[in-house]
Amino acid sequence: LISDQQDNPKWQKRKLGDVAWVAKKKPMQNLSDR
């Protein structure tokens, strides 16, 4: 379903950064009960 389809003309090559981003969050200040 995936590996054998890499040469399929209907499949397009993408970089992860084209369709995703690194989640930016503030560091935790309190870890109690975490």
Full PDB file with SEQRES, HELIX, SHEET, SSBOND, CRYST1, ORIGX, SCALE, CONECT and MASTER records, all heavy atoms in Angstrom:
SEQRES   1 A   34  LEU ILE SER ASP GLN GLN ASP ASN PRO LYS TRP GLN LYS          
SEQRES   2 A   34  ARG LYS LEU GLY ASP VAL ALA TRP VAL ALA LYS LYS LYS          
SEQRES   3 A   34  PRO MET GLN ASN LEU SER ASP ARG                              
HELIX    1 AA1 SER A    3  GLN A    5  5                                   3    
HELIX    2 AA2 LEU A   16  VAL A   19  1                                   4    
CRYST1    1.000    1.000    1.000  90.00  90.00  90.00 P 1           1          
ORIGX1      1.000000  0.000000  0.000000        0.00000                         
ORIGX2      0.000000  1.000000  0.000000        0.00000                         
ORIGX3      0.000000  0.000000  1.000000        0.00000                         
SCALE1      1.000000  0.000000  0.000000        0.00000                         
SCALE2      0.000000  1.000000  0.000000        0.00000                         
SCALE3      0.000000  0.000000  1.000000        0.00000                         
ATOM      1  N   LEU A   1       0.803  -1.227   0.000  1.00  0.00           N  
ATOM      2  CA  LEU A   1       0.000   0.000   0.000  1.00  0.00           C  
ATOM      3  C   LEU A   1       0.834   1.275   0.000  1.00  0.00           C  
ATOM      4  O   LEU A   1       0.351   2.317  -0.453  1.00  0.00           O  
ATOM      5  CB  LEU A   1      -0.932   0.008   1.208  1.00  0.00           C  
ATOM      6  CG  LEU A   1      -2.001  -1.094   1.244  1.00  0.00           C  
ATOM      7  CD1 LEU A   1      -2.814  -1.004   2.523  1.00  0.00           C  
ATOM      8  CD2 LEU A   1      -2.919  -0.985   0.022  1.00  0.00           C  
ATOM      9  N   ILE A   2       2.089   1.204   0.486  1.00  0.00           N  
ATOM     10  CA  ILE A   2       2.903   2.426   0.562  1.00  0.00           C  
ATOM     11  C   ILE A   2       4.223   2.277  -0.184  1.00  0.00           C  
ATOM     12  O   ILE A   2       4.499   3.036  -1.119  1.00  0.00           O  
ATOM     13  CB  ILE A   2       3.143   2.834   2.029  1.00  0.00           C  
ATOM     14  CG1 ILE A   2       1.804   3.160   2.718  1.00  0.00           C  
ATOM     15  CG2 ILE A   2       4.067   4.056   2.099  1.00  0.00           C  
ATOM     16  CD1 ILE A   2       1.920   3.614   4.152  1.00  0.00           C  
ATOM     17  N   SER A   3       5.041   1.302   0.199  1.00  0.00           N  
ATOM     18  CA  SER A   3       6.375   1.195  -0.411  1.00  0.00           C  
ATOM     19  C   SER A   3       6.313   0.999  -1.923  1.00  0.00           C  
ATOM     20  O   SER A   3       7.083   1.605  -2.677  1.00  0.00           O  
ATOM     21  CB  SER A   3       7.156   0.041   0.228  1.00  0.00           C  
ATOM     22  OG  SER A   3       7.415   0.309   1.587  1.00  0.00           O  
ATOM     23  N   ASP A   4       5.396   0.141  -2.374  1.00  0.00           N  
ATOM     24  CA  ASP A   4       5.323  -0.164  -3.805  1.00  0.00           C  
ATOM     25  C   ASP A   4       4.704   0.964  -4.629  1.00  0.00           C  
ATOM     26  O   ASP A   4       4.656   0.884  -5.856  1.00  0.00           O  
ATOM     27  CB  ASP A   4       4.512  -1.452  -4.028  1.00  0.00           C  
ATOM     28  CG  ASP A   4       5.249  -2.687  -3.560  1.00  0.00           C  
ATOM     29  OD1 ASP A   4       6.448  -2.571  -3.233  1.00  0.00           O  
ATOM     30  OD2 ASP A   4       4.636  -3.773  -3.508  1.00  0.00           O  
ATOM     31  N   GLN A   5       4.230   2.023  -3.940  1.00  0.00           N  
ATOM     32  CA  GLN A   5       3.553   3.110  -4.654  1.00  0.00           C  
ATOM     33  C   GLN A   5       4.442   4.330  -4.861  1.00  0.00           C  
ATOM     34  O   GLN A   5       3.981   5.357  -5.345  1.00  0.00           O  
ATOM     35  CB  GLN A   5       2.300   3.533  -3.858  1.00  0.00           C  
ATOM     36  CG  GLN A   5       1.289   2.424  -3.626  1.00  0.00           C  
ATOM     37  CD  GLN A   5       0.732   1.858  -4.917  1.00  0.00           C  
ATOM     38  OE1 GLN A   5       0.493   2.603  -5.880  1.00  0.00           O  
ATOM     39  NE2 GLN A   5       0.523   0.548  -4.956  1.00  0.00           N  
ATOM     40  N   GLN A   6       5.737   4.227  -4.500  1.00  0.00           N  
ATOM     41  CA  GLN A   6       6.598   5.405  -4.562  1.00  0.00           C  
ATOM     42  C   GLN A   6       6.789   5.934  -5.986  1.00  0.00           C  
ATOM     43  O   GLN A   6       7.087   7.117  -6.166  1.00  0.00           O  
ATOM     44  CB  GLN A   6       7.956   5.071  -3.939  1.00  0.00           C  
ATOM     45  CG  GLN A   6       7.881   4.591  -2.489  1.00  0.00           C  
ATOM     46  CD  GLN A   6       7.201   5.584  -1.563  1.00  0.00           C  
ATOM     47  OE1 GLN A   6       7.719   6.655  -1.327  1.00  0.00           O  
ATOM     48  NE2 GLN A   6       6.026   5.238  -1.053  1.00  0.00           N  
ATOM     49  N   ASP A   7       6.611   5.084  -6.991  1.00  0.00           N  
ATOM     50  CA  ASP A   7       6.746   5.523  -8.389  1.00  0.00           C  
ATOM     51  C   ASP A   7       5.391   5.800  -9.043  1.00  0.00           C  
ATOM     52  O   ASP A   7       5.329   6.074 -10.249  1.00  0.00           O  
ATOM     53  CB  ASP A   7       7.496   4.462  -9.204  1.00  0.00           C  
ATOM     54  CG  ASP A   7       8.934   4.290  -8.734  1.00  0.00           C  
ATOM     55  OD1 ASP A   7       9.525   5.287  -8.286  1.00  0.00           O  
ATOM     56  OD2 ASP A   7       9.450   3.153  -8.792  1.00  0.00           O  
ATOM     57  N   ASN A   8       4.343   5.743  -8.241  1.00  0.00           N  
ATOM     58  CA  ASN A   8       3.006   6.015  -8.770  1.00  0.00           C  
ATOM     59  C   ASN A   8       2.899   7.501  -9.141  1.00  0.00           C  
ATOM     60  O   ASN A   8       3.124   8.370  -8.296  1.00  0.00           O  
ATOM     61  CB  ASN A   8       1.957   5.658  -7.709  1.00  0.00           C  
ATOM     62  CG  ASN A   8       0.540   5.689  -8.251  1.00  0.00           C  
ATOM     63  OD1 ASN A   8       0.195   6.534  -9.076  1.00  0.00           O  
ATOM     64  ND2 ASN A   8      -0.286   4.773  -7.769  1.00  0.00           N  
ATOM     65  N   PRO A   9       2.573   7.815 -10.396  1.00  0.00           N  
ATOM     66  CA  PRO A   9       2.524   9.225 -10.821  1.00  0.00           C  
ATOM     67  C   PRO A   9       1.474  10.045 -10.076  1.00  0.00           C  
ATOM     68  O   PRO A   9       1.553  11.279 -10.062  1.00  0.00           O  
ATOM     69  CB  PRO A   9       2.203   9.130 -12.320  1.00  0.00           C  
ATOM     70  CG  PRO A   9       1.596   7.771 -12.508  1.00  0.00           C  
ATOM     71  CD  PRO A   9       2.249   6.884 -11.497  1.00  0.00           C  
ATOM     72  N   LYS A  10       0.490   9.389  -9.456  1.00  0.00           N  
ATOM     73  CA  LYS A  10      -0.535  10.114  -8.711  1.00  0.00           C  
ATOM     74  C   LYS A  10      -0.079  10.472  -7.297  1.00  0.00           C  
ATOM     75  O   LYS A  10      -0.758  11.205  -6.589  1.00  0.00           O  
ATOM     76  CB  LYS A  10      -1.818   9.288  -8.647  1.00  0.00           C  
ATOM     77  CG  LYS A  10      -2.474   9.073 -10.004  1.00  0.00           C  
ATOM     78  CD  LYS A  10      -3.775   8.300  -9.875  1.00  0.00           C  
ATOM     79  CE  LYS A  10      -4.431   8.107 -11.236  1.00  0.00           C  
ATOM     80  NZ  LYS A  10      -5.708   7.339 -11.139  1.00  0.00           N  
ATOM     81  N   TRP A  11       1.065   9.919  -6.906  1.00  0.00           N  
ATOM     82  CA  TRP A  11       1.617  10.243  -5.590  1.00  0.00           C  
ATOM     83  C   TRP A  11       2.638  11.359  -5.745  1.00  0.00           C  
ATOM     84  O   TRP A  11       3.448  11.356  -6.670  1.00  0.00           O  
ATOM     85  CB  TRP A  11       2.291   9.012  -4.975  1.00  0.00           C  
ATOM     86  CG  TRP A  11       1.324   7.956  -4.504  1.00  0.00           C  
ATOM     87  CD1 TRP A  11       0.243   7.463  -5.171  1.00  0.00           C  
ATOM     88  CD2 TRP A  11       1.371   7.256  -3.263  1.00  0.00           C  
ATOM     89  NE1 TRP A  11      -0.394   6.504  -4.441  1.00  0.00           N  
ATOM     90  CE2 TRP A  11       0.285   6.350  -3.256  1.00  0.00           C  
ATOM     91  CE3 TRP A  11       2.219   7.278  -2.169  1.00  0.00           C  
ATOM     92  CZ2 TRP A  11       0.021   5.501  -2.187  1.00  0.00           C  
ATOM     93  CZ3 TRP A  11       1.981   6.431  -1.091  1.00  0.00           C  
ATOM     94  CH2 TRP A  11       0.884   5.558  -1.109  1.00  0.00           C  
ATOM     95  N   GLN A  12       2.627  12.319  -4.842  1.00  0.00           N  
ATOM     96  CA  GLN A  12       3.523  13.461  -4.909  1.00  0.00           C  
ATOM     97  C   GLN A  12       4.519  13.441  -3.748  1.00  0.00           C  
ATOM     98  O   GLN A  12       4.179  13.046  -2.631  1.00  0.00           O  
ATOM     99  CB  GLN A  12       2.733  14.770  -4.883  1.00  0.00           C  
ATOM    100  CG  GLN A  12       1.808  14.943  -6.078  1.00  0.00           C  
ATOM    101  CD  GLN A  12       1.074  16.272  -6.035  1.00  0.00           C  
ATOM    102  OE1 GLN A  12       0.879  16.851  -4.965  1.00  0.00           O  
ATOM    103  NE2 GLN A  12       0.665  16.750  -7.205  1.00  0.00           N  
ATOM    104  N   LYS A  13       5.729  13.882  -4.047  1.00  0.00           N  
ATOM    105  CA  LYS A  13       6.750  13.953  -3.003  1.00  0.00           C  
ATOM    106  C   LYS A  13       6.539  15.208  -2.172  1.00  0.00           C  
ATOM    107  O   LYS A  13       6.319  16.294  -2.705  1.00  0.00           O  
ATOM    108  CB  LYS A  13       8.143  13.952  -3.628  1.00  0.00           C  
ATOM    109  CG  LYS A  13       9.263  13.807  -2.609  1.00  0.00           C  
ATOM    110  CD  LYS A  13      10.624  13.680  -3.305  1.00  0.00           C  
ATOM    111  CE  LYS A  13      11.728  13.439  -2.288  1.00  0.00           C  
ATOM    112  NZ  LYS A  13      13.058  13.268  -2.942  1.00  0.00           N  
ATOM    113  N   ARG A  14       6.582  15.046  -0.857  1.00  0.00           N  
ATOM    114  CA  ARG A  14       6.381  16.152   0.064  1.00  0.00           C  
ATOM    115  C   ARG A  14       7.478  16.158   1.118  1.00  0.00           C  
ATOM    116  O   ARG A  14       7.974  15.111   1.526  1.00  0.00           O  
ATOM    117  CB  ARG A  14       5.022  16.042   0.760  1.00  0.00           C  
ATOM    118  CG  ARG A  14       3.827  16.296  -0.144  1.00  0.00           C  
ATOM    119  CD  ARG A  14       3.595  17.801  -0.291  1.00  0.00           C  
ATOM    120  NE  ARG A  14       2.391  18.066  -1.056  1.00  0.00           N  
ATOM    121  CZ  ARG A  14       2.342  18.266  -2.373  1.00  0.00           C  
ATOM    122  NH1 ARG A  14       3.465  18.203  -3.077  1.00  0.00           N  
ATOM    123  NH2 ARG A  14       1.212  18.506  -2.971  1.00  0.00           N  
ATOM    124  N   LYS A  15       7.836  17.328   1.585  1.00  0.00           N  
ATOM    125  CA  LYS A  15       8.640  17.462   2.782  1.00  0.00           C  
ATOM    126  C   LYS A  15       7.693  17.685   3.948  1.00  0.00           C  
ATOM    127  O   LYS A  15       6.639  18.333   3.798  1.00  0.00           O  
ATOM    128  CB  LYS A  15       9.622  18.635   2.658  1.00  0.00           C  
ATOM    129  CG  LYS A  15      10.779  18.374   1.724  1.00  0.00           C  
ATOM    130  CD  LYS A  15      11.768  19.534   1.748  1.00  0.00           C  
ATOM    131  CE  LYS A  15      12.956  19.243   0.847  1.00  0.00           C  
ATOM    132  NZ  LYS A  15      13.928  20.374   0.854  1.00  0.00           N  
ATOM    133  N   LEU A  16       8.072  17.162   5.104  1.00  0.00           N  
ATOM    134  CA  LEU A  16       7.180  17.282   6.254  1.00  0.00           C  
ATOM    135  C   LEU A  16       6.868  18.738   6.557  1.00  0.00           C  
ATOM    136  O   LEU A  16       5.734  19.087   6.918  1.00  0.00           O  
ATOM    137  CB  LEU A  16       7.820  16.609   7.476  1.00  0.00           C  
ATOM    138  CG  LEU A  16       6.961  16.533   8.750  1.00  0.00           C  
ATOM    139  CD1 LEU A  16       5.664  15.780   8.479  1.00  0.00           C  
ATOM    140  CD2 LEU A  16       7.739  15.867   9.883  1.00  0.00           C  
ATOM    141  N   GLY A  17       7.854  19.600   6.377  1.00  0.00           N  
ATOM    142  CA  GLY A  17       7.636  21.018   6.655  1.00  0.00           C  
ATOM    143  C   GLY A  17       6.614  21.676   5.743  1.00  0.00           C  
ATOM    144  O   GLY A  17       6.116  22.768   6.057  1.00  0.00           O  
ATOM    145  N   ASP A  18       6.273  21.031   4.602  1.00  0.00           N  
ATOM    146  CA  ASP A  18       5.255  21.582   3.700  1.00  0.00           C  
ATOM    147  C   ASP A  18       3.848  21.389   4.253  1.00  0.00           C  
ATOM    148  O   ASP A  18       2.916  22.115   3.864  1.00  0.00           O  
ATOM    149  CB  ASP A  18       5.341  20.912   2.321  1.00  0.00           C  
ATOM    150  CG  ASP A  18       6.659  21.193   1.619  1.00  0.00           C  
ATOM    151  OD1 ASP A  18       7.279  22.230   1.930  1.00  0.00           O  
ATOM    152  OD2 ASP A  18       7.059  20.370   0.767  1.00  0.00           O  
ATOM    153  N   VAL A  19       3.691  20.379   5.092  1.00  0.00           N  
ATOM    154  CA  VAL A  19       2.346  20.029   5.548  1.00  0.00           C  
ATOM    155  C   VAL A  19       2.265  19.906   7.076  1.00  0.00           C  
ATOM    156  O   VAL A  19       1.263  19.448   7.614  1.00  0.00           O  
ATOM    157  CB  VAL A  19       1.900  18.687   4.915  1.00  0.00           C  
ATOM    158  CG1 VAL A  19       1.595  18.865   3.440  1.00  0.00           C  
ATOM    159  CG2 VAL A  19       2.959  17.610   5.120  1.00  0.00           C  
ATOM    160  N   ALA A  20       3.318  20.336   7.777  1.00  0.00           N  
ATOM    161  CA  ALA A  20       3.322  20.199   9.236  1.00  0.00           C  
ATOM    162  C   ALA A  20       4.279  21.220   9.844  1.00  0.00           C  
ATOM    163  O   ALA A  20       5.058  21.865   9.136  1.00  0.00           O  
ATOM    164  CB  ALA A  20       3.738  18.781   9.625  1.00  0.00           C  
ATOM    165  N   TRP A  21       4.215  21.354  11.161  1.00  0.00           N  
ATOM    166  CA  TRP A  21       5.094  22.283  11.868  1.00  0.00           C  
ATOM    167  C   TRP A  21       5.375  21.747  13.275  1.00  0.00           C  
ATOM    168  O   TRP A  21       4.627  20.932  13.804  1.00  0.00           O  
ATOM    169  CB  TRP A  21       4.464  23.676  11.939  1.00  0.00           C  
ATOM    170  CG  TRP A  21       3.142  23.710  12.664  1.00  0.00           C  
ATOM    171  CD1 TRP A  21       2.922  23.976  13.981  1.00  0.00           C  
ATOM    172  CD2 TRP A  21       1.854  23.451  12.098  1.00  0.00           C  
ATOM    173  NE1 TRP A  21       1.593  23.914  14.288  1.00  0.00           N  
ATOM    174  CE2 TRP A  21       0.905  23.593  13.141  1.00  0.00           C  
ATOM    175  CE3 TRP A  21       1.404  23.116  10.799  1.00  0.00           C  
ATOM    176  CZ2 TRP A  21      -0.456  23.398  12.940  1.00  0.00           C  
ATOM    177  CZ3 TRP A  21       0.049  22.928  10.608  1.00  0.00           C  
ATOM    178  CH2 TRP A  21      -0.864  23.072  11.662  1.00  0.00           C  
ATOM    179  N   VAL A  22       6.487  22.217  13.834  1.00  0.00           N  
ATOM    180  CA  VAL A  22       6.839  21.828  15.197  1.00  0.00           C  
ATOM    181  C   VAL A  22       5.956  22.597  16.167  1.00  0.00           C  
ATOM    182  O   VAL A  22       5.842  23.823  16.071  1.00  0.00           O  
ATOM    183  CB  VAL A  22       8.328  22.123  15.493  1.00  0.00           C  
ATOM    184  CG1 VAL A  22       8.651  21.839  16.960  1.00  0.00           C  
ATOM    185  CG2 VAL A  22       9.224  21.295  14.585  1.00  0.00           C  
ATOM    186  N   ALA A  23       5.313  21.875  17.064  1.00  0.00           N  
ATOM    187  CA  ALA A  23       4.421  22.501  18.038  1.00  0.00           C  
ATOM    188  C   ALA A  23       5.239  23.350  19.009  1.00  0.00           C  
ATOM    189  O   ALA A  23       6.165  22.851  19.658  1.00  0.00           O  
ATOM    190  CB  ALA A  23       3.646  21.427  18.801  1.00  0.00           C  
ATOM    191  N   LYS A  24       4.939  24.632  19.088  1.00  0.00           N  
ATOM    192  CA  LYS A  24       5.623  25.540  19.994  1.00  0.00           C  
ATOM    193  C   LYS A  24       4.779  25.731  21.254  1.00  0.00           C  
ATOM    194  O   LYS A  24       3.636  26.180  21.184  1.00  0.00           O  
ATOM    195  CB  LYS A  24       5.874  26.889  19.318  1.00  0.00           C  
ATOM    196  CG  LYS A  24       6.733  26.791  18.058  1.00  0.00           C  
ATOM    197  CD  LYS A  24       8.144  26.292  18.381  1.00  0.00           C  
ATOM    198  CE  LYS A  24       9.011  26.256  17.127  1.00  0.00           C  
ATOM    199  NZ  LYS A  24      10.363  25.727  17.419  1.00  0.00           N  
ATOM    200  N   LYS A  25       5.352  25.399  22.391  1.00  0.00           N  
ATOM    201  CA  LYS A  25       4.601  25.480  23.648  1.00  0.00           C  
ATOM    202  C   LYS A  25       5.496  26.012  24.744  1.00  0.00           C  
ATOM    203  O   LYS A  25       6.728  25.927  24.671  1.00  0.00           O  
ATOM    204  CB  LYS A  25       4.071  24.095  24.031  1.00  0.00           C  
ATOM    205  CG  LYS A  25       3.084  23.528  23.025  1.00  0.00           C  
ATOM    206  CD  LYS A  25       2.582  22.172  23.459  1.00  0.00           C  
ATOM    207  CE  LYS A  25       1.596  21.621  22.437  1.00  0.00           C  
ATOM    208  NZ  LYS A  25       1.094  20.290  22.812  1.00  0.00           N  
ATOM    209  N   LYS A  26       4.886  26.550  25.776  1.00  0.00           N  
ATOM    210  CA  LYS A  26       5.637  27.037  26.924  1.00  0.00           C  
ATOM    211  C   LYS A  26       6.005  25.877  27.832  1.00  0.00           C  
ATOM    212  O   LYS A  26       5.204  24.970  28.051  1.00  0.00           O  
ATOM    213  CB  LYS A  26       4.794  28.052  27.701  1.00  0.00           C  
ATOM    214  CG  LYS A  26       4.543  29.350  26.943  1.00  0.00           C  
ATOM    215  CD  LYS A  26       3.750  30.319  27.803  1.00  0.00           C  
ATOM    216  CE  LYS A  26       3.524  31.638  27.062  1.00  0.00           C  
ATOM    217  NZ  LYS A  26       2.755  32.608  27.883  1.00  0.00           N  
ATOM    218  N   PRO A  27       7.217  25.908  28.376  1.00  0.00           N  
ATOM    219  CA  PRO A  27       7.605  24.848  29.322  1.00  0.00           C  
ATOM    220  C   PRO A  27       6.673  24.828  30.531  1.00  0.00           C  
ATOM    221  O   PRO A  27       6.158  25.865  30.963  1.00  0.00           O  
ATOM    222  CB  PRO A  27       9.026  25.247  29.726  1.00  0.00           C  
ATOM    223  CG  PRO A  27       9.513  26.135  28.623  1.00  0.00           C  
ATOM    224  CD  PRO A  27       8.303  26.862  28.123  1.00  0.00           C  
ATOM    225  N   MET A  28       6.455  23.627  31.076  1.00  0.00           N  
ATOM    226  CA  MET A  28       5.606  23.476  32.251  1.00  0.00           C  
ATOM    227  C   MET A  28       6.285  24.136  33.457  1.00  0.00           C  
ATOM    228  O   MET A  28       7.493  24.000  33.660  1.00  0.00           O  
ATOM    229  CB  MET A  28       5.374  21.993  32.539  1.00  0.00           C  
ATOM    230  CG  MET A  28       4.692  21.234  31.424  1.00  0.00           C  
ATOM    231  SD  MET A  28       2.965  21.714  31.210  1.00  0.00           S  
ATOM    232  CE  MET A  28       2.277  21.216  32.789  1.00  0.00           C  
ATOM    233  N   GLN A  29       5.484  24.819  34.266  1.00  0.00           N  
ATOM    234  CA  GLN A  29       5.993  25.451  35.482  1.00  0.00           C  
ATOM    235  C   GLN A  29       5.675  24.646  36.732  1.00  0.00           C  
ATOM    236  O   GLN A  29       6.263  24.870  37.795  1.00  0.00           O  
ATOM    237  CB  GLN A  29       5.395  26.865  35.611  1.00  0.00           C  
ATOM    238  CG  GLN A  29       5.737  27.788  34.456  1.00  0.00           C  
ATOM    239  CD  GLN A  29       7.235  27.977  34.292  1.00  0.00           C  
ATOM    240  OE1 GLN A  29       7.954  28.200  35.265  1.00  0.00           O  
ATOM    241  NE2 GLN A  29       7.713  27.881  33.054  1.00  0.00           N  
ATOM    242  N   ASN A  30       4.749  23.713  36.600  1.00  0.00           N  
ATOM    243  CA  ASN A  30       4.341  22.891  37.748  1.00  0.00           C  
ATOM    244  C   ASN A  30       4.097  21.465  37.255  1.00  0.00           C  
ATOM    245  O   ASN A  30       3.245  21.237  36.403  1.00  0.00           O  
ATOM    246  CB  ASN A  30       3.077  23.473  38.386  1.00  0.00           C  
ATOM    247  CG  ASN A  30       2.663  22.716  39.636  1.00  0.00           C  
ATOM    248  OD1 ASN A  30       3.293  21.725  40.018  1.00  0.00           O  
ATOM    249  ND2 ASN A  30       1.614  23.188  40.293  1.00  0.00           N  
ATOM    250  N   LEU A  31       4.845  20.501  37.811  1.00  0.00           N  
ATOM    251  CA  LEU A  31       4.727  19.122  37.358  1.00  0.00           C  
ATOM    252  C   LEU A  31       3.990  18.235  38.352  1.00  0.00           C  
ATOM    253  O   LEU A  31       3.971  17.014  38.192  1.00  0.00           O  
ATOM    254  CB  LEU A  31       6.125  18.537  37.112  1.00  0.00           C  
ATOM    255  CG  LEU A  31       6.972  19.225  36.036  1.00  0.00           C  
ATOM    256  CD1 LEU A  31       8.293  18.494  35.861  1.00  0.00           C  
ATOM    257  CD2 LEU A  31       6.229  19.286  34.716  1.00  0.00           C  
ATOM    258  N   SER A  32       3.377  18.816  39.360  1.00  0.00           N  
ATOM    259  CA  SER A  32       2.678  18.000  40.352  1.00  0.00           C  
ATOM    260  C   SER A  32       1.534  17.233  39.697  1.00  0.00           C  
ATOM    261  O   SER A  32       0.759  17.790  38.910  1.00  0.00           O  
ATOM    262  CB  SER A  32       2.137  18.883  41.483  1.00  0.00           C  
ATOM    263  OG  SER A  32       1.228  19.845  40.976  1.00  0.00           O  
ATOM    264  N   ASP A  33       1.458  15.945  40.028  1.00  0.00           N  
ATOM    265  CA  ASP A  33       0.420  15.042  39.498  1.00  0.00           C  
ATOM    266  C   ASP A  33       0.463  14.897  37.983  1.00  0.00           C  
ATOM    267  O   ASP A  33      -0.525  14.496  37.361  1.00  0.00           O  
ATOM    268  CB  ASP A  33      -0.988  15.514  39.926  1.00  0.00           C  
ATOM    269  CG  ASP A  33      -1.163  15.543  41.422  1.00  0.00           C  
ATOM    270  OD1 ASP A  33      -0.610  14.644  42.082  1.00  0.00           O  
ATOM    271  OD2 ASP A  33      -1.835  16.461  41.932  1.00  0.00           O  
ATOM    272  N   ARG A  34       1.592  15.215  37.398  1.00  0.00           N  
ATOM    273  CA  ARG A  34       1.746  15.052  35.955  1.00  0.00           C  
ATOM    274  C   ARG A  34       2.466  13.738  35.661  1.00  0.00           C  
ATOM    275  O   ARG A  34       3.461  13.409  36.300  1.00  0.00           O  
ATOM    276  CB  ARG A  34       2.547  16.212  35.361  1.00  0.00           C  
ATOM    277  CG  ARG A  34       1.777  17.527  35.338  1.00  0.00           C  
ATOM    278  CD  ARG A  34       0.733  17.520  34.251  1.00  0.00           C  
ATOM    279  NE  ARG A  34       0.115  18.814  34.078  1.00  0.00           N  
ATOM    280  CZ  ARG A  34      -0.577  19.179  33.016  1.00  0.00           C  
ATOM    281  NH1 ARG A  34      -0.738  18.320  32.020  1.00  0.00           N  
ATOM    282  NH2 ARG A  34      -1.116  20.365  32.927  1.00  0.00           N  
TER     283      ARG A  34                                                      
MASTER        0    0    0    2    0    0    0    6  282    1    0    3          
END                                                                             
